[in-house]
Amino acid sequence: MKEVSINVSDLAWEQAEGYPSGTQRKVLLWASASQPKCVLLKLPAGFDVPGHSHMFAEHHYVLEGEYESLGNRYRPGHYRMIPEHTDHGPFRSPTGALVLVVWEI
């Protein structure tokens, strides 16, 4: 693997495909041509995604705002690792959030 160094402020926000309208992302690292591995995910106020699972672990680090999942509230500074094949969600953010998301692929 090669070293990656980018200035995130140089990246434009784009619509995050597969997420509710208004959800934006900045892709920091791609796992393949079609699947990101590390993103900044900007959740809009009112964000709501049903529960689901992945074939790989998913890591969250909340930078701004907050989101709720399975009765827990995740605020700035919270780190969460969701193991592969684990049902997680639903995810809700009444006020919006900025989350660093990393998938182990």
Foldseek 3Di string as FASTA:
>chain_A
DDDADDDQVVFDWDADPPFDPPKTWGARACPDPPHGFKIWIKFAAFGWDAKDFAQWKKKKAWCAAWKDWPHDIHHHGDIDIDGHPHTIDGITGNHITIIIMGTDD
